[in-house]
Amino acid sequence: MTDIIKPTTFEAIKWDSNGLIPAIVQDVQTKDVLMMAYMNVESLRQTLTLRQAVFWSRSRQTLWRKGETSGHVMRVVEIRIDCDADTLLILVEPAGAACHTGQKSCFFRSLTEFDAKPERL
């Protein structure tokens, strides 16, 4: 991962109207998709500085470092940006479960297992 990110890089990112960008988190070894969260400028800066995943909690309106309470931190190996510059892919070495339920990945259910009811769609 590059140690220095130019200020123009942050300007080139297509942040949404709330100043956020979706971040897909993937295990660098297994290639499993672990989770999706949002980042703002400050969480991206902290992630680059700490080399640990830091996100923006939309529900709590605050920064949160993944694994802060559980110990399941995610060491960031590389950050990629998609062709439209509106989504990040964060490649990590996870130190435990990614999901708050204790599952390895937040994507442990298929849609049919979710029991999709009309009010949920």
C-alpha atoms as a PDB file:
ATOM      1  CA  MET A   1       0.000   0.000   0.000  1.00  0.00           C
ATOM      2  CA  THR A   2       1.320   3.425  -0.886  1.00  0.00           C
ATOM      3  CA  ASP A   3       2.503   5.406   2.129  1.00  0.00           C
ATOM      4  CA  ILE A   4       1.597   8.793   0.690  1.00  0.00           C
ATOM      5  CA  ILE A   5      -1.743   9.523  -0.893  1.00  0.00           C
ATOM      6  CA  LYS A   6      -1.852  12.788  -2.770  1.00  0.00           C
ATOM      7  CA  PRO A   7      -4.615  15.235  -1.769  1.00  0.00           C
ATOM      8  CA  THR A   8      -5.847  15.082  -5.364  1.00  0.00           C
ATOM      9  CA  THR A   9      -6.608  11.390  -4.841  1.00  0.00           C
ATOM     10  CA  PHE A  10      -9.189  12.295  -2.207  1.00  0.00           C
ATOM     11  CA  GLU A  11     -10.619  14.926  -4.540  1.00  0.00           C
ATOM     12  CA  ALA A  12     -10.928  12.400  -7.374  1.00  0.00           C
ATOM     13  CA  ILE A  13     -13.034  10.036  -5.256  1.00  0.00           C
ATOM     14  CA  LYS A  14     -16.758  10.296  -5.948  1.00  0.00           C
ATOM     15  CA  TRP A  15     -18.136  10.721  -2.440  1.00  0.00           C
ATOM     16  CA  ASP A  16     -21.922  10.517  -2.162  1.00  0.00           C
ATOM     17  CA  SER A  17     -24.086  13.441  -1.038  1.00  0.00           C
ATOM     18  CA  ASN A  18     -23.300  12.571   2.598  1.00  0.00           C
ATOM     19  CA  GLY A  19     -19.545  12.532   1.984  1.00  0.00           C
ATOM     20  CA  LEU A  20     -19.367   8.729   2.065  1.00  0.00           C
ATOM     21  CA  ILE A  21     -18.098   5.977  -0.191  1.00  0.00           C
ATOM     22  CA  PRO A  22     -19.006   2.264   0.020  1.00  0.00           C
ATOM     23  CA  ALA A  23     -16.099   0.024   0.995  1.00  0.00           C
ATOM     24  CA  ILE A  24     -16.163  -3.696   0.261  1.00  0.00           C
ATOM     25  CA  VAL A  25     -13.835  -5.650   2.528  1.00  0.00           C
ATOM     26  CA  GLN A  26     -12.199  -8.812   1.183  1.00  0.00           C
ATOM     27  CA  ASP A  27      -9.844 -11.323   2.802  1.00  0.00           C
ATOM     28  CA  VAL A  28      -6.564 -10.973   0.911  1.00  0.00           C
ATOM     29  CA  GLN A  29      -5.755 -14.701   1.269  1.00  0.00           C
ATOM     30  CA  THR A  30      -9.083 -16.473   0.714  1.00  0.00           C
ATOM     31  CA  LYS A  31     -10.682 -13.753  -1.455  1.00  0.00           C
ATOM     32  CA  ASP A  32     -13.895 -14.115   0.603  1.00  0.00           C
ATOM     33  CA  VAL A  33     -15.997 -10.960   0.771  1.00  0.00           C
ATOM     34  CA  LEU A  34     -16.189 -10.204   4.488  1.00  0.00           C
ATOM     35  CA  MET A  35     -18.350  -7.103   4.798  1.00  0.00           C
ATOM     36  CA  MET A  36     -19.428  -3.797   3.339  1.00  0.00           C
ATOM     37  CA  ALA A  37     -19.266  -0.528   5.221  1.00  0.00           C
ATOM     38  CA  TYR A  38     -18.957   3.170   4.500  1.00  0.00           C
ATOM     39  CA  MET A  39     -15.980   5.466   4.750  1.00  0.00           C
ATOM     40  CA  ASN A  40     -15.634   9.222   4.854  1.00  0.00           C
ATOM     41  CA  VAL A  41     -12.463  11.239   4.275  1.00  0.00           C
ATOM     42  CA  GLU A  42     -11.353  10.955   7.897  1.00  0.00           C
ATOM     43  CA  SER A  43     -11.928   7.203   8.151  1.00  0.00           C
ATOM     44  CA  LEU A  44      -9.981   6.682   4.929  1.00  0.00           C
ATOM     45  CA  ARG A  45      -7.133   8.836   6.260  1.00  0.00           C
ATOM     46  CA  GLN A  46      -7.054   6.907   9.529  1.00  0.00           C
ATOM     47  CA  THR A  47      -7.164   3.597   7.674  1.00  0.00           C
ATOM     48  CA  LEU A  48      -4.157   4.631   5.594  1.00  0.00           C
ATOM     49  CA  THR A  49      -2.277   5.860   8.669  1.00  0.00           C
ATOM     50  CA  LEU A  50      -3.075   2.989  11.050  1.00  0.00           C
ATOM     51  CA  ARG A  51      -3.110   0.218   8.424  1.00  0.00           C
ATOM     52  CA  GLN A  52      -6.278  -0.981  10.155  1.00  0.00           C
ATOM     53  CA  ALA A  53      -9.818  -0.677   8.823  1.00  0.00           C
ATOM     54  CA  VAL A  54     -11.662   2.394  10.133  1.00  0.00           C
ATOM     55  CA  PHE A  55     -15.195   3.109   8.951  1.00  0.00           C
ATOM     56  CA  TRP A  56     -17.968   5.660   9.383  1.00  0.00           C
ATOM     57  CA  SER A  57     -20.988   4.399  11.310  1.00  0.00           C
ATOM     58  CA  ARG A  58     -24.085   5.870   9.700  1.00  0.00           C
ATOM     59  CA  SER A  59     -26.290   4.831  12.622  1.00  0.00           C
ATOM     60  CA  ARG A  60     -24.026   6.249  15.354  1.00  0.00           C
ATOM     61  CA  GLN A  61     -22.637   9.099  13.236  1.00  0.00           C
ATOM     62  CA  THR A  62     -19.091   8.417  14.380  1.00  0.00           C
ATOM     63  CA  LEU A  63     -15.866   6.750  13.305  1.00  0.00           C
ATOM     64  CA  TRP A  64     -15.339   3.143  14.345  1.00  0.00           C
ATOM     65  CA  ARG A  65     -12.237   1.029  14.085  1.00  0.00           C
ATOM     66  CA  LYS A  66     -13.127  -2.537  13.144  1.00  0.00           C
ATOM     67  CA  GLY A  67     -12.306  -4.804  16.068  1.00  0.00           C
ATOM     68  CA  GLU A  68     -12.071  -1.961  18.562  1.00  0.00           C
ATOM     69  CA  THR A  69     -14.113  -3.872  21.134  1.00  0.00           C
ATOM     70  CA  SER A  70     -14.013  -7.460  19.812  1.00  0.00           C
ATOM     71  CA  GLY A  71     -10.305  -7.573  19.006  1.00  0.00           C
ATOM     72  CA  HIS A  72     -11.177  -8.733  15.470  1.00  0.00           C
ATOM     73  CA  VAL A  73      -9.111  -6.046  13.781  1.00  0.00           C
ATOM     74  CA  MET A  74      -8.490  -5.995  10.057  1.00  0.00           C
ATOM     75  CA  ARG A  75      -4.959  -5.253   8.942  1.00  0.00           C
ATOM     76  CA  VAL A  76      -5.176  -3.426   5.641  1.00  0.00           C
ATOM     77  CA  VAL A  77      -2.912  -4.794   2.922  1.00  0.00           C
ATOM     78  CA  GLU A  78      -4.170  -2.795  -0.050  1.00  0.00           C
ATOM     79  CA  ILE A  79      -6.951  -0.431  -1.046  1.00  0.00           C
ATOM     80  CA  ARG A  80      -8.308  -0.388  -4.589  1.00  0.00           C
ATOM     81  CA  ILE A  81     -10.854   1.900  -6.197  1.00  0.00           C
ATOM     82  CA  ASP A  82     -13.281   0.879  -8.925  1.00  0.00           C
ATOM     83  CA  CYS A  83     -13.395   2.235 -12.473  1.00  0.00           C
ATOM     84  CA  ASP A  84     -16.031   4.848 -11.578  1.00  0.00           C
ATOM     85  CA  ALA A  85     -14.138   5.981  -8.453  1.00  0.00           C
ATOM     86  CA  ASP A  86     -17.283   5.469  -6.359  1.00  0.00           C
ATOM     87  CA  THR A  87     -16.507   2.235  -4.479  1.00  0.00           C
ATOM     88  CA  LEU A  88     -13.455   1.023  -2.581  1.00  0.00           C
ATOM     89  CA  LEU A  89     -12.173  -2.538  -2.250  1.00  0.00           C
ATOM     90  CA  ILE A  90     -10.166  -3.053   0.924  1.00  0.00           C
ATOM     91  CA  LEU A  91      -7.973  -6.151   1.025  1.00  0.00           C
ATOM     92  CA  VAL A  92      -7.335  -7.216   4.608  1.00  0.00           C
ATOM     93  CA  GLU A  93      -5.829  -9.823   6.883  1.00  0.00           C
ATOM     94  CA  PRO A  94      -8.651 -10.351   9.413  1.00  0.00           C
ATOM     95  CA  ALA A  95      -7.918 -11.289  13.024  1.00  0.00           C
ATOM     96  CA  GLY A  96     -11.219 -13.063  13.618  1.00  0.00           C
ATOM     97  CA  ALA A  97     -14.834 -12.818  12.586  1.00  0.00           C
ATOM     98  CA  ALA A  98     -15.897  -9.896  10.399  1.00  0.00           C
ATOM     99  CA  CYS A  99     -19.585  -9.997  11.317  1.00  0.00           C
ATOM    100  CA  HIS A 100     -21.008  -8.745  14.605  1.00  0.00           C
ATOM    101  CA  THR A 101     -22.901 -12.067  14.784  1.00  0.00           C
ATOM    102  CA  GLY A 102     -19.600 -13.918  15.112  1.00  0.00           C
ATOM    103  CA  GLN A 103     -19.681 -15.225  11.536  1.00  0.00           C
ATOM    104  CA  LYS A 104     -16.530 -15.075   9.422  1.00  0.00           C
ATOM    105  CA  SER A 105     -18.380 -12.976   6.829  1.00  0.00           C
ATOM    106  CA  CYS A 106     -21.438 -10.745   7.008  1.00  0.00           C
ATOM    107  CA  PHE A 107     -22.622 -12.544   3.852  1.00  0.00           C
ATOM    108  CA  PHE A 108     -23.379 -15.908   5.478  1.00  0.00           C
ATOM    109  CA  ARG A 109     -27.060 -16.110   4.399  1.00  0.00           C
ATOM    110  CA  SER A 110     -28.511 -16.645   0.959  1.00  0.00           C
ATOM    111  CA  LEU A 111     -31.551 -14.569   0.051  1.00  0.00           C
ATOM    112  CA  THR A 112     -33.801 -17.634   0.361  1.00  0.00           C
ATOM    113  CA  GLU A 113     -32.498 -18.225   3.897  1.00  0.00           C
ATOM    114  CA  PHE A 114     -33.340 -14.619   4.704  1.00  0.00           C
ATOM    115  CA  ASP A 115     -37.021 -15.542   4.303  1.00  0.00           C
ATOM    116  CA  ALA A 116     -37.646 -12.625   1.971  1.00  0.00           C
ATOM    117  CA  LYS A 117     -41.057 -11.255   2.785  1.00  0.00           C
ATOM    118  CA  PRO A 118     -42.672  -8.599   0.572  1.00  0.00           C
ATOM    119  CA  GLU A 119     -42.224  -5.930   3.261  1.00  0.00           C
ATOM    120  CA  ARG A 120     -38.461  -6.601   3.283  1.00  0.00           C
ATOM    121  CA  LEU A 121     -38.093  -6.146  -0.465  1.00  0.00           C
END
